[in-house]
């Protein structure tokens, strides 16, 4: 059986049909404003949490999703910390004692995979936006510079 899309995603994509709706699908309240971030977030996790306002505007995040999004923020923080560590120590080839990958490199690769998947799930990547049916137009995206500033680009 293939993964079923939530009804909200089908409606956003314009492919929803009344006869195919899942009558037993759990319905959760859409987040209309992001709550305060967890107190233990560092600067990197906070940047991504604040950037979620765009996802909230597109009605992508529901209240049960907040825990998953918190994990994505923590992965983003871990990625940025590891990236900074590698740059500061001029590490271009990351190997362990016997030529295998170091634990830091394995952690880095693991974090990247989880991060990309998590960001895509919440519409933070082009593929994620297309899967969710979110369209962005230049004329209607005045917050582009604000997003760049938040993400440190």
Protein backbone atom coordinates (compact mmCIF):
# COMPACT_ATOMS: atom_id res chain seq x y z
CA UNK A 1 0.00 0.00 0.00
CA UNK A 2 1.38 3.39 -0.93
CA UNK A 3 1.74 6.23 1.53
CA UNK A 4 -1.49 8.15 1.70
CA UNK A 5 -1.40 11.89 1.48
CA UNK A 6 -3.23 13.86 4.13
CA UNK A 7 -6.47 15.43 2.89
CA UNK A 8 -5.09 18.92 3.54
CA UNK A 9 -2.22 18.24 1.11
CA UNK A 10 -4.63 16.87 -1.51
CA UNK A 11 -6.79 19.98 -1.17
CA UNK A 12 -3.75 22.24 -1.50
CA UNK A 13 -2.71 20.36 -4.66
CA UNK A 14 -6.23 20.42 -6.06
CA UNK A 15 -6.48 16.61 -6.26
CA UNK A 16 -8.92 16.02 -3.41
CA UNK A 17 -12.13 14.13 -4.20
CA UNK A 18 -14.94 13.76 -1.72
CA UNK A 19 -15.41 10.05 -2.52
CA UNK A 20 -11.74 9.30 -1.75
CA UNK A 21 -11.43 11.18 1.54
CA UNK A 22 -10.29 9.15 4.51
CA UNK A 23 -13.19 9.31 6.96
CA UNK A 24 -10.95 8.10 9.82
CA UNK A 25 -8.12 10.54 9.20
CA UNK A 26 -7.16 12.31 12.43
CA UNK A 27 -7.84 16.01 12.24
CA UNK A 28 -5.60 18.39 14.14
CA UNK A 29 -5.71 22.12 14.58
CA UNK A 30 -3.47 24.09 12.23
CA UNK A 31 -0.83 26.22 13.96
CA UNK A 32 -1.74 29.86 13.31
CA UNK A 33 1.25 31.29 15.20
CA UNK A 34 4.46 29.57 16.21
CA UNK A 35 4.76 29.15 19.98
CA UNK A 36 7.87 30.20 21.86
CA UNK A 37 10.86 27.99 21.04
CA UNK A 38 12.26 25.60 23.64
CA UNK A 39 14.49 27.40 26.14
CA UNK A 40 17.53 25.23 25.40
CA UNK A 41 17.70 26.13 21.69
CA UNK A 42 20.95 27.67 20.52
CA UNK A 43 21.25 30.44 17.91
CA UNK A 44 21.07 28.03 14.94
CA UNK A 45 17.94 26.21 16.11
CA UNK A 46 16.31 29.56 16.89
CA UNK A 47 16.93 30.79 13.33
CA UNK A 48 15.08 27.84 11.84
CA UNK A 49 12.28 28.04 14.42
CA UNK A 50 11.72 31.69 13.50
CA UNK A 51 11.78 30.82 9.79
CA UNK A 52 8.80 28.50 10.38
CA UNK A 53 6.51 31.52 10.24
CA UNK A 54 6.52 31.02 6.46
CA UNK A 55 5.32 27.43 6.86
CA UNK A 56 2.64 28.62 9.28
CA UNK A 57 1.40 31.16 6.71
CA UNK A 58 0.97 28.27 4.26
CA UNK A 59 -0.96 26.17 6.84
CA UNK A 60 1.62 23.39 6.71
CA UNK A 61 2.24 22.89 10.43
CA UNK A 62 -0.29 21.29 12.75
CA UNK A 63 0.14 21.11 16.51
CA UNK A 64 1.40 17.49 16.59
CA UNK A 65 4.03 18.52 14.01
CA UNK A 66 5.71 20.88 16.47
CA UNK A 67 7.66 18.05 18.12
CA UNK A 68 8.93 16.83 14.75
CA UNK A 69 9.83 20.39 13.79
CA UNK A 70 11.73 20.78 17.07
CA UNK A 71 13.82 17.74 16.10
CA UNK A 72 14.48 19.27 12.68
CA UNK A 73 15.65 22.49 14.39
CA UNK A 74 18.00 20.49 16.62
CA UNK A 75 19.36 18.66 13.56
CA UNK A 76 19.93 22.00 11.84
CA UNK A 77 21.84 23.21 14.90
CA UNK A 78 23.93 20.03 15.00
CA UNK A 79 24.69 20.39 11.29
CA UNK A 80 25.83 24.00 11.70
CA UNK A 81 28.01 23.14 14.70
CA UNK A 82 29.69 20.26 12.86
CA UNK A 83 30.14 22.36 9.72
CA UNK A 84 31.80 25.10 11.78
CA UNK A 85 34.04 22.53 13.50
CA UNK A 86 35.20 21.09 10.18
CA UNK A 87 35.92 24.53 8.72
CA UNK A 88 37.79 25.75 11.80
CA UNK A 89 39.98 22.64 11.82
CA UNK A 90 40.50 22.68 8.04
CA UNK A 91 39.14 19.18 7.68
CA UNK A 92 38.58 18.33 4.05
CA UNK A 93 39.13 14.58 4.26
CA UNK A 94 37.56 13.10 7.34
CA UNK A 95 39.08 9.75 8.25
CA UNK A 96 39.45 7.73 11.39
CA UNK A 97 42.60 6.01 12.63
CA UNK A 98 42.36 3.09 10.22
CA UNK A 99 41.19 4.94 7.14
CA UNK A 100 37.49 4.57 7.93
CA UNK A 101 35.22 7.48 8.57
CA UNK A 102 35.51 9.22 11.89
CA UNK A 103 32.58 9.31 14.27
CA UNK A 104 32.20 13.04 13.59
CA UNK A 105 31.96 12.41 9.85
CA UNK A 106 29.37 9.68 10.35
CA UNK A 107 27.38 11.98 12.62
CA UNK A 108 27.66 14.78 10.06
CA UNK A 109 26.35 12.59 7.22
CA UNK A 110 23.55 11.24 9.38
CA UNK A 111 22.49 14.74 10.39
CA UNK A 112 22.48 15.93 6.77
CA UNK A 113 20.16 13.12 5.71
CA UNK A 114 17.71 13.71 8.55
CA UNK A 115 17.85 17.47 8.09
CA UNK A 116 17.10 17.41 4.36
CA UNK A 117 14.20 15.03 4.88
CA UNK A 118 12.82 17.07 7.77
CA UNK A 119 13.12 20.37 5.93
CA UNK A 120 11.41 18.84 2.90
CA UNK A 121 8.54 17.53 5.03
CA UNK A 122 7.80 21.04 6.24
CA UNK A 123 8.11 22.71 2.83
CA UNK A 124 11.54 24.29 3.32
CA UNK A 125 12.93 22.82 0.08
CA UNK A 126 11.69 23.24 -3.50
CA UNK A 127 10.72 19.57 -3.66
CA UNK A 128 8.95 19.80 -0.32
CA UNK A 129 7.00 22.86 -1.45
CA UNK A 130 5.96 21.17 -4.67
CA UNK A 131 4.81 18.03 -2.81
CA UNK A 132 2.76 20.17 -0.45
CA UNK A 133 1.32 22.24 -3.27
CA UNK A 134 2.83 25.48 -2.02
CA UNK A 135 3.48 27.97 -4.77
CA UNK A 136 5.71 30.96 -4.41
CA UNK A 137 5.71 33.89 -6.76
CA UNK A 138 8.22 36.72 -6.80
CA UNK A 139 5.52 39.37 -6.59
CA UNK A 140 3.84 37.75 -3.59
CA UNK A 141 6.96 36.92 -1.58
CA UNK A 142 7.98 40.17 0.17
CA UNK A 143 9.57 38.25 3.03
CA UNK A 144 12.34 36.75 0.87
CA UNK A 145 15.00 39.10 2.25
CA UNK A 146 13.74 38.47 5.77
CA UNK A 147 14.12 34.69 5.22
CA UNK A 148 17.66 35.17 3.90
CA UNK A 149 18.52 37.25 6.94
CA UNK A 150 17.05 34.68 9.33
CA UNK A 151 18.96 31.82 7.71
CA UNK A 152 22.20 33.79 7.67
CA UNK A 153 22.53 33.78 3.89
